[in-house]
Amino acid sequence: MNPTAIFKALADDTRRQMIEMLRERNHSAGEFAAVFNMSKPSITNHLNILHGANLVYREKKGQYVIYSLNMTLLQEAMLWLQKMSKGDEQ
């Protein structure tokens, strides 16, 4: 787990909204583009940052790339934050 990459990825409101959408179900980049008022290259950039932080998985299905949430990493990050809030050492 790379906390710096995770916090950088989650620092952006758009990426947090994408994470929330992925909690409900998997999405393609095109589905995100239909929701957010931004260009497809901008959507791809946000998804690449989430993927680079290992917060999302991506899988090629035909001509689409489907994104899904990496719940394991989110749970690890939450446990790490809880540990830090208690003042325990890493």
PDB file of N, CA and C in Angstrom:
ATOM      1  N   MET A   1       0.847  -1.182   0.000  1.00  0.00           N
ATOM      2  CA  MET A   1       0.000   0.000   0.000  1.00  0.00           C
ATOM      3  C   MET A   1       0.890   1.242   0.000  1.00  0.00           C
ATOM      4  N   ASN A   2       0.582   2.164  -0.888  1.00  0.00           N
ATOM      5  CA  ASN A   2       1.303   3.431  -0.979  1.00  0.00           C
ATOM      6  C   ASN A   2       0.357   4.555  -0.537  1.00  0.00           C
ATOM      7  N   PRO A   3       0.414   4.937   0.744  1.00  0.00           N
ATOM      8  CA  PRO A   3      -0.512   5.962   1.237  1.00  0.00           C
ATOM      9  C   PRO A   3      -0.438   7.269   0.457  1.00  0.00           C
ATOM     10  N   THR A   4       0.742   7.672   0.004  1.00  0.00           N
ATOM     11  CA  THR A   4       0.875   8.927  -0.738  1.00  0.00           C
ATOM     12  C   THR A   4       0.059   8.880  -2.030  1.00  0.00           C
ATOM     13  N   ALA A   5       0.175   7.788  -2.775  1.00  0.00           N
ATOM     14  CA  ALA A   5      -0.579   7.645  -4.025  1.00  0.00           C
ATOM     15  C   ALA A   5      -2.080   7.590  -3.752  1.00  0.00           C
ATOM     16  N   ILE A   6      -2.462   6.898  -2.690  1.00  0.00           N
ATOM     17  CA  ILE A   6      -3.876   6.786  -2.345  1.00  0.00           C
ATOM     18  C   ILE A   6      -4.454   8.156  -1.988  1.00  0.00           C
ATOM     19  N   PHE A   7      -3.760   8.896  -1.128  1.00  0.00           N
ATOM     20  CA  PHE A   7      -4.262  10.206  -0.717  1.00  0.00           C
ATOM     21  C   PHE A   7      -4.277  11.187  -1.883  1.00  0.00           C
ATOM     22  N   LYS A   8      -3.268  11.111  -2.758  1.00  0.00           N
ATOM     23  CA  LYS A   8      -3.263  11.969  -3.944  1.00  0.00           C
ATOM     24  C   LYS A   8      -4.477  11.649  -4.821  1.00  0.00           C
ATOM     25  N   ALA A   9      -4.739  10.373  -5.001  1.00  0.00           N
ATOM     26  CA  ALA A   9      -5.871   9.960  -5.839  1.00  0.00           C
ATOM     27  C   ALA A   9      -7.198  10.411  -5.231  1.00  0.00           C
ATOM     28  N   LEU A  10      -7.315  10.306  -3.929  1.00  0.00           N
ATOM     29  CA  LEU A  10      -8.571  10.645  -3.259  1.00  0.00           C
ATOM     30  C   LEU A  10      -8.720  12.138  -2.970  1.00  0.00           C
ATOM     31  N   ALA A  11      -7.685  12.913  -3.232  1.00  0.00           N
ATOM     32  CA  ALA A  11      -7.737  14.354  -2.961  1.00  0.00           C
ATOM     33  C   ALA A  11      -8.645  15.096  -3.938  1.00  0.00           C
ATOM     34  N   ASP A  12      -8.951  14.466  -5.057  1.00  0.00           N
ATOM     35  CA  ASP A  12      -9.758  15.116  -6.082  1.00  0.00           C
ATOM     36  C   ASP A  12     -11.216  14.694  -5.965  1.00  0.00           C
ATOM     37  N   ASP A  13     -12.113  15.687  -6.005  1.00  0.00           N
ATOM     38  CA  ASP A  13     -13.543  15.425  -5.855  1.00  0.00           C
ATOM     39  C   ASP A  13     -14.085  14.506  -6.958  1.00  0.00           C
ATOM     40  N   THR A  14     -13.646  14.703  -8.179  1.00  0.00           N
ATOM     41  CA  THR A  14     -14.112  13.859  -9.291  1.00  0.00           C
ATOM     42  C   THR A  14     -13.747  12.398  -9.043  1.00  0.00           C
ATOM     43  N   ARG A  15     -12.521  12.160  -8.617  1.00  0.00           N
ATOM     44  CA  ARG A  15     -12.086  10.777  -8.364  1.00  0.00           C
ATOM     45  C   ARG A  15     -12.837  10.167  -7.188  1.00  0.00           C
ATOM     46  N   ARG A  16     -13.141  10.965  -6.178  1.00  0.00           N
ATOM     47  CA  ARG A  16     -13.944  10.440  -5.068  1.00  0.00           C
ATOM     48  C   ARG A  16     -15.342  10.071  -5.553  1.00  0.00           C
ATOM     49  N   GLN A  17     -15.907  10.880  -6.437  1.00  0.00           N
ATOM     50  CA  GLN A  17     -17.221  10.559  -6.997  1.00  0.00           C
ATOM     51  C   GLN A  17     -17.155   9.285  -7.842  1.00  0.00           C
ATOM     52  N   MET A  18     -16.068   9.104  -8.565  1.00  0.00           N
ATOM     53  CA  MET A  18     -15.897   7.874  -9.349  1.00  0.00           C
ATOM     54  C   MET A  18     -15.846   6.655  -8.427  1.00  0.00           C
ATOM     55  N   ILE A  19     -15.124   6.779  -7.323  1.00  0.00           N
ATOM     56  CA  ILE A  19     -15.053   5.684  -6.344  1.00  0.00           C
ATOM     57  C   ILE A  19     -16.452   5.372  -5.826  1.00  0.00           C
ATOM     58  N   GLU A  20     -17.227   6.415  -5.521  1.00  0.00           N
ATOM     59  CA  GLU A  20     -18.596   6.203  -5.033  1.00  0.00           C
ATOM     60  C   GLU A  20     -19.449   5.487  -6.078  1.00  0.00           C
ATOM     61  N   MET A  21     -19.297   5.855  -7.334  1.00  0.00           N
ATOM     62  CA  MET A  21     -20.040   5.185  -8.397  1.00  0.00           C
ATOM     63  C   MET A  21     -19.638   3.712  -8.500  1.00  0.00           C
ATOM     64  N   LEU A  22     -18.350   3.443  -8.329  1.00  0.00           N
ATOM     65  CA  LEU A  22     -17.870   2.063  -8.433  1.00  0.00           C
ATOM     66  C   LEU A  22     -18.302   1.212  -7.242  1.00  0.00           C
ATOM     67  N   ARG A  23     -18.688   1.842  -6.156  1.00  0.00           N
ATOM     68  CA  ARG A  23     -19.231   1.074  -5.031  1.00  0.00           C
ATOM     69  C   ARG A  23     -20.541   0.413  -5.428  1.00  0.00           C
ATOM     70  N   GLU A  24     -21.280   1.066  -6.317  1.00  0.00           N
ATOM     71  CA  GLU A  24     -22.580   0.549  -6.760  1.00  0.00           C
ATOM     72  C   GLU A  24     -22.434  -0.559  -7.795  1.00  0.00           C
ATOM     73  N   ARG A  25     -21.551  -0.327  -8.791  1.00  0.00           N
ATOM     74  CA  ARG A  25     -21.335  -1.313  -9.844  1.00  0.00           C
ATOM     75  C   ARG A  25     -20.121  -0.908 -10.678  1.00  0.00           C
ATOM     76  N   ASN A  26     -19.636  -1.811 -11.510  1.00  0.00           N
ATOM     77  CA  ASN A  26     -18.520  -1.539 -12.405  1.00  0.00           C
ATOM     78  C   ASN A  26     -18.976  -0.600 -13.522  1.00  0.00           C
ATOM     79  N   HIS A  27     -18.029   0.185 -14.048  1.00  0.00           N
ATOM     80  CA  HIS A  27     -18.343   1.156 -15.105  1.00  0.00           C
ATOM     81  C   HIS A  27     -17.247   1.158 -16.163  1.00  0.00           C
ATOM     82  N   SER A  28     -17.632   1.558 -17.361  1.00  0.00           N
ATOM     83  CA  SER A  28     -16.658   1.809 -18.424  1.00  0.00           C
ATOM     84  C   SER A  28     -16.294   3.294 -18.391  1.00  0.00           C
ATOM     85  N   ALA A  29     -15.206   3.632 -19.074  1.00  0.00           N
ATOM     86  CA  ALA A  29     -14.803   5.038 -19.150  1.00  0.00           C
ATOM     87  C   ALA A  29     -15.899   5.864 -19.816  1.00  0.00           C
ATOM     88  N   GLY A  30     -16.558   5.297 -20.814  1.00  0.00           N
ATOM     89  CA  GLY A  30     -17.643   5.999 -21.492  1.00  0.00           C
ATOM     90  C   GLY A  30     -18.802   6.319 -20.564  1.00  0.00           C
ATOM     91  N   GLU A  31     -19.081   5.412 -19.637  1.00  0.00           N
ATOM     92  CA  GLU A  31     -20.160   5.668 -18.665  1.00  0.00           C
ATOM     93  C   GLU A  31     -19.785   6.820 -17.739  1.00  0.00           C
ATOM     94  N   PHE A  32     -18.509   6.886 -17.348  1.00  0.00           N
ATOM     95  CA  PHE A  32     -18.068   8.018 -16.531  1.00  0.00           C
ATOM     96  C   PHE A  32     -18.171   9.312 -17.330  1.00  0.00           C
ATOM     97  N   ALA A  33     -17.779   9.265 -18.605  1.00  0.00           N
ATOM     98  CA  ALA A  33     -17.819  10.466 -19.441  1.00  0.00           C
ATOM     99  C   ALA A  33     -19.247  10.986 -19.595  1.00  0.00           C
ATOM    100  N   ALA A  34     -20.224  10.091 -19.570  1.00  0.00           N
ATOM    101  CA  ALA A  34     -21.621  10.510 -19.690  1.00  0.00           C
ATOM    102  C   ALA A  34     -22.106  11.227 -18.427  1.00  0.00           C
ATOM    103  N   VAL A  35     -21.483  10.956 -17.298  1.00  0.00           N
ATOM    104  CA  VAL A  35     -21.894  11.540 -16.023  1.00  0.00           C
ATOM    105  C   VAL A  35     -21.171  12.861 -15.750  1.00  0.00           C
ATOM    106  N   PHE A  36     -19.875  12.898 -16.042  1.00  0.00           N
ATOM    107  CA  PHE A  36     -19.056  14.071 -15.727  1.00  0.00           C
ATOM    108  C   PHE A  36     -18.938  14.976 -16.943  1.00  0.00           C
ATOM    109  N   ASN A  37     -18.999  16.256 -16.724  1.00  0.00           N
ATOM    110  CA  ASN A  37     -18.907  17.240 -17.796  1.00  0.00           C
ATOM    111  C   ASN A  37     -17.440  17.546 -18.086  1.00  0.00           C
ATOM    112  N   MET A  38     -16.766  16.572 -18.704  1.00  0.00           N
ATOM    113  CA  MET A  38     -15.358  16.758 -19.058  1.00  0.00           C
ATOM    114  C   MET A  38     -15.019  15.864 -20.240  1.00  0.00           C
ATOM    115  N   SER A  39     -13.891  16.129 -20.835  1.00  0.00           N
ATOM    116  CA  SER A  39     -13.471  15.385 -22.023  1.00  0.00           C
ATOM    117  C   SER A  39     -13.094  13.946 -21.662  1.00  0.00           C
ATOM    118  N   LYS A  40     -13.147  13.081 -22.660  1.00  0.00           N
ATOM    119  CA  LYS A  40     -12.755  11.688 -22.434  1.00  0.00           C
ATOM    120  C   LYS A  40     -11.293  11.566 -22.016  1.00  0.00           C
ATOM    121  N   PRO A  41     -10.361  12.365 -22.587  1.00  0.00           N
ATOM    122  CA  PRO A  41      -8.979  12.299 -22.088  1.00  0.00           C
ATOM    123  C   PRO A  41      -8.859  12.666 -20.603  1.00  0.00           C
ATOM    124  N   SER A  42      -9.678  13.618 -20.142  1.00  0.00           N
ATOM    125  CA  SER A  42      -9.658  13.974 -18.709  1.00  0.00           C
ATOM    126  C   SER A  42     -10.182  12.824 -17.859  1.00  0.00           C
ATOM    127  N   ILE A  43     -11.242  12.167 -18.314  1.00  0.00           N
ATOM    128  CA  ILE A  43     -11.780  10.998 -17.605  1.00  0.00           C
ATOM    129  C   ILE A  43     -10.707   9.917 -17.534  1.00  0.00           C
ATOM    130  N   THR A  44     -10.049   9.665 -18.658  1.00  0.00           N
ATOM    131  CA  THR A  44      -8.996   8.656 -18.700  1.00  0.00           C
ATOM    132  C   THR A  44      -7.870   9.000 -17.737  1.00  0.00           C
ATOM    133  N   ASN A  45      -7.503  10.278 -17.647  1.00  0.00           N
ATOM    134  CA  ASN A  45      -6.460  10.697 -16.719  1.00  0.00           C
ATOM    135  C   ASN A  45      -6.858  10.403 -15.276  1.00  0.00           C
ATOM    136  N   HIS A  46      -8.086  10.726 -14.910  1.00  0.00           N
ATOM    137  CA  HIS A  46      -8.562  10.442 -13.554  1.00  0.00           C
ATOM    138  C   HIS A  46      -8.537   8.931 -13.270  1.00  0.00           C
ATOM    139  N   LEU A  47      -8.994   8.152 -14.235  1.00  0.00           N
ATOM    140  CA  LEU A  47      -9.004   6.691 -14.053  1.00  0.00           C
ATOM    141  C   LEU A  47      -7.589   6.126 -13.972  1.00  0.00           C
ATOM    142  N   ASN A  48      -6.660   6.699 -14.732  1.00  0.00           N
ATOM    143  CA  ASN A  48      -5.267   6.250 -14.647  1.00  0.00           C
ATOM    144  C   ASN A  48      -4.663   6.537 -13.278  1.00  0.00           C
ATOM    145  N   ILE A  49      -5.017   7.673 -12.698  1.00  0.00           N
ATOM    146  CA  ILE A  49      -4.520   8.003 -11.352  1.00  0.00           C
ATOM    147  C   ILE A  49      -5.091   7.022 -10.334  1.00  0.00           C
ATOM    148  N   LEU A  50      -6.387   6.724 -10.427  1.00  0.00           N
ATOM    149  CA  LEU A  50      -6.996   5.740  -9.516  1.00  0.00           C
ATOM    150  C   LEU A  50      -6.368   4.368  -9.704  1.00  0.00           C
ATOM    151  N   HIS A  51      -6.118   3.993 -10.946  1.00  0.00           N
ATOM    152  CA  HIS A  51      -5.495   2.695 -11.224  1.00  0.00           C
ATOM    153  C   HIS A  51      -4.050   2.678 -10.733  1.00  0.00           C
ATOM    154  N   GLY A  52      -3.331   3.761 -10.936  1.00  0.00           N
ATOM    155  CA  GLY A  52      -1.944   3.852 -10.471  1.00  0.00           C
ATOM    156  C   GLY A  52      -1.824   3.734  -8.962  1.00  0.00           C
ATOM    157  N   ALA A  53      -2.849   4.162  -8.244  1.00  0.00           N
ATOM    158  CA  ALA A  53      -2.872   4.045  -6.782  1.00  0.00           C
ATOM    159  C   ALA A  53      -3.433   2.690  -6.351  1.00  0.00           C
ATOM    160  N   ASN A  54      -3.753   1.833  -7.316  1.00  0.00           N
ATOM    161  CA  ASN A  54      -4.336   0.502  -7.078  1.00  0.00           C
ATOM    162  C   ASN A  54      -5.717   0.548  -6.440  1.00  0.00           C
ATOM    163  N   LEU A  55      -6.405   1.670  -6.579  1.00  0.00           N
ATOM    164  CA  LEU A  55      -7.753   1.784  -6.030  1.00  0.00           C
ATOM    165  C   LEU A  55      -8.795   1.144  -6.933  1.00  0.00           C
ATOM    166  N   VAL A  56      -8.467   1.007  -8.211  1.00  0.00           N
ATOM    167  CA  VAL A  56      -9.394   0.369  -9.148  1.00  0.00           C
ATOM    168  C   VAL A  56      -8.656  -0.671  -9.984  1.00  0.00           C
ATOM    169  N   TYR A  57      -9.406  -1.658 -10.398  1.00  0.00           N
ATOM    170  CA  TYR A  57      -8.944  -2.642 -11.367  1.00  0.00           C
ATOM    171  C   TYR A  57      -9.505  -2.236 -12.716  1.00  0.00           C
ATOM    172  N   ARG A  58      -8.846  -2.648 -13.781  1.00  0.00           N
ATOM    173  CA  ARG A  58      -9.422  -2.448 -15.107  1.00  0.00           C
ATOM    174  C   ARG A  58      -9.243  -3.727 -15.914  1.00  0.00           C
ATOM    175  N   GLU A  59     -10.286  -4.019 -16.684  1.00  0.00           N
ATOM    176  CA  GLU A  59     -10.301  -5.239 -17.477  1.00  0.00           C
ATOM    177  C   GLU A  59     -10.864  -4.922 -18.856  1.00  0.00           C
ATOM    178  N   LYS A  60     -10.141  -5.342 -19.864  1.00  0.00           N
ATOM    179  CA  LYS A  60     -10.591  -5.131 -21.248  1.00  0.00           C
ATOM    180  C   LYS A  60     -11.659  -6.171 -21.572  1.00  0.00           C
ATOM    181  N   LYS A  61     -12.831  -5.701 -21.988  1.00  0.00           N
ATOM    182  CA  LYS A  61     -13.937  -6.570 -22.412  1.00  0.00           C
ATOM    183  C   LYS A  61     -14.394  -6.091 -23.774  1.00  0.00           C
ATOM    184  N   GLY A  62     -13.950  -6.795 -24.811  1.00  0.00           N
ATOM    185  CA  GLY A  62     -14.260  -6.362 -26.163  1.00  0.00           C
ATOM    186  C   GLY A  62     -13.595  -5.030 -26.434  1.00  0.00           C
ATOM    187  N   GLN A  63     -14.360  -4.059 -26.873  1.00  0.00           N
ATOM    188  CA  GLN A  63     -13.802  -2.744 -27.165  1.00  0.00           C
ATOM    189  C   GLN A  63     -13.852  -1.808 -25.956  1.00  0.00           C
ATOM    190  N   TYR A  64     -14.327  -2.280 -24.822  1.00  0.00           N
ATOM    191  CA  TYR A  64     -14.460  -1.457 -23.619  1.00  0.00           C
ATOM    192  C   TYR A  64     -13.444  -1.857 -22.556  1.00  0.00           C
ATOM    193  N   VAL A  65     -13.096  -0.898 -21.734  1.00  0.00           N
ATOM    194  CA  VAL A  65     -12.320  -1.164 -20.524  1.00  0.00           C
ATOM    195  C   VAL A  65     -13.282  -0.946 -19.363  1.00  0.00           C
ATOM    196  N   ILE A  66     -13.429  -1.982 -18.549  1.00  0.00           N
ATOM    197  CA  ILE A  66     -14.350  -1.931 -17.416  1.00  0.00           C
ATOM    198  C   ILE A  66     -13.545  -1.723 -16.131  1.00  0.00           C
ATOM    199  N   TYR A  67     -13.986  -0.763 -15.341  1.00  0.00           N
ATOM    200  CA  TYR A  67     -13.311  -0.429 -14.082  1.00  0.00           C
ATOM    201  C   TYR A  67     -14.124  -0.958 -12.910  1.00  0.00           C
ATOM    202  N   SER A  68     -13.408  -1.503 -11.933  1.00  0.00           N
ATOM    203  CA  SER A  68     -14.044  -1.994 -10.708  1.00  0.00           C
ATOM    204  C   SER A  68     -13.208  -1.547  -9.516  1.00  0.00           C
ATOM    205  N   LEU A  69     -13.837  -1.514  -8.376  1.00  0.00           N
ATOM    206  CA  LEU A  69     -13.220  -1.012  -7.150  1.00  0.00           C
ATOM    207  C   LEU A  69     -12.379  -2.087  -6.479  1.00  0.00           C
ATOM    208  N   ASN A  70     -11.194  -1.702  -6.028  1.00  0.00           N
ATOM    209  CA  ASN A  70     -10.328  -2.596  -5.264  1.00  0.00           C
ATOM    210  C   ASN A  70     -10.665  -2.417  -3.777  1.00  0.00           C
ATOM    211  N   MET A  71     -11.643  -3.169  -3.321  1.00  0.00           N
ATOM    212  CA  MET A  71     -12.105  -3.036  -1.933  1.00  0.00           C
ATOM    213  C   MET A  71     -11.020  -3.434  -0.932  1.00  0.00           C
ATOM    214  N   THR A  72     -10.168  -4.363  -1.294  1.00  0.00           N
ATOM    215  CA  THR A  72      -9.103  -4.797  -0.388  1.00  0.00           C
ATOM    216  C   THR A  72      -8.191  -3.626  -0.037  1.00  0.00           C
ATOM    217  N   LEU A  73      -7.796  -2.858  -1.047  1.00  0.00           N
ATOM    218  CA  LEU A  73      -6.915  -1.720  -0.785  1.00  0.00           C
ATOM    219  C   LEU A  73      -7.624  -0.650   0.032  1.00  0.00           C
ATOM    220  N   LEU A  74      -8.893  -0.399  -0.259  1.00  0.00           N
ATOM    221  CA  LEU A  74      -9.638   0.585   0.532  1.00  0.00           C
ATOM    222  C   LEU A  74      -9.719   0.165   1.995  1.00  0.00           C
ATOM    223  N   GLN A  75      -9.944  -1.113   2.225  1.00  0.00           N
ATOM    224  CA  GLN A  75     -10.012  -1.612   3.602  1.00  0.00           C
ATOM    225  C   GLN A  75      -8.650  -1.481   4.293  1.00  0.00           C
ATOM    226  N   GLU A  76      -7.571  -1.779   3.572  1.00  0.00           N
ATOM    227  CA  GLU A  76      -6.224  -1.620   4.140  1.00  0.00           C
ATOM    228  C   GLU A  76      -5.958  -0.160   4.491  1.00  0.00           C
ATOM    229  N   ALA A  77      -6.364   0.756   3.617  1.00  0.00           N
ATOM    230  CA  ALA A  77      -6.160   2.186   3.870  1.00  0.00           C
ATOM    231  C   ALA A  77      -6.957   2.633   5.097  1.00  0.00           C
ATOM    232  N   MET A  78      -8.186   2.129   5.226  1.00  0.00           N
ATOM    233  CA  MET A  78      -9.001   2.486   6.390  1.00  0.00           C
ATOM    234  C   MET A  78      -8.363   1.966   7.678  1.00  0.00           C
ATOM    235  N   LEU A  79      -7.860   0.747   7.646  1.00  0.00           N
ATOM    236  CA  LEU A  79      -7.193   0.193   8.825  1.00  0.00           C
ATOM    237  C   LEU A  79      -5.952   1.004   9.175  1.00  0.00           C
ATOM    238  N   TRP A  80      -5.202   1.415   8.159  1.00  0.00           N
ATOM    239  CA  TRP A  80      -4.010   2.224   8.390  1.00  0.00           C
ATOM    240  C   TRP A  80      -4.390   3.559   9.027  1.00  0.00           C
ATOM    241  N   LEU A  81      -5.458   4.196   8.513  1.00  0.00           N
ATOM    242  CA  LEU A  81      -5.911   5.461   9.095  1.00  0.00           C
ATOM    243  C   LEU A  81      -6.365   5.288  10.542  1.00  0.00           C
ATOM    244  N   GLN A  82      -7.076   4.202  10.818  1.00  0.00           N
ATOM    245  CA  GLN A  82      -7.504   3.943  12.191  1.00  0.00           C
ATOM    246  C   GLN A  82      -6.305   3.764  13.107  1.00  0.00           C
ATOM    247  N   LYS A  83      -5.316   3.054  12.623  1.00  0.00           N
ATOM    248  CA  LYS A  83      -4.103   2.838  13.416  1.00  0.00           C
ATOM    249  C   LYS A  83      -3.408   4.169  13.699  1.00  0.00           C
ATOM    250  N   MET A  84      -3.324   5.037  12.699  1.00  0.00           N
ATOM    251  CA  MET A  84      -2.681   6.326  12.870  1.00  0.00           C
ATOM    252  C   MET A  84      -3.468   7.220  13.815  1.00  0.00           C
ATOM    253  N   SER A  85      -4.780   7.111  13.794  1.00  0.00           N
ATOM    254  CA  SER A  85      -5.596   7.972  14.644  1.00  0.00           C
ATOM    255  C   SER A  85      -5.475   7.586  16.113  1.00  0.00           C
ATOM    256  N   LYS A  86      -5.056   6.354  16.369  1.00  0.00           N
ATOM    257  CA  LYS A  86      -4.864   5.894  17.746  1.00  0.00           C
ATOM    258  C   LYS A  86      -3.465   6.218  18.269  1.00  0.00           C
ATOM    259  N   GLY A  87      -2.591   6.709  17.363  1.00  0.00           N
ATOM    260  CA  GLY A  87      -1.242   7.054  17.787  1.00  0.00           C
ATOM    261  C   GLY A  87      -0.311   5.872  17.831  1.00  0.00           C
ATOM    262  N   ASP A  88      -0.750   4.714  17.310  1.00  0.00           N
ATOM    263  CA  ASP A  88       0.137   3.552  17.264  1.00  0.00           C
ATOM    264  C   ASP A  88       1.226   3.783  16.237  1.00  0.00           C
ATOM    265  N   GLU A  89       2.366   3.137  16.455  1.00  0.00           N
ATOM    266  CA  GLU A  89       3.432   3.216  15.474  1.00  0.00           C
ATOM    267  C   GLU A  89       3.114   2.248  14.340  1.00  0.00           C
ATOM    268  N   GLN A  90       3.650   2.566  13.153  1.00  0.00           N
ATOM    269  CA  GLN A  90       3.458   1.718  11.989  1.00  0.00           C
ATOM    270  C   GLN A  90       4.113   0.386  12.164  1.00  0.00           C
TER     271      GLN A  90
END
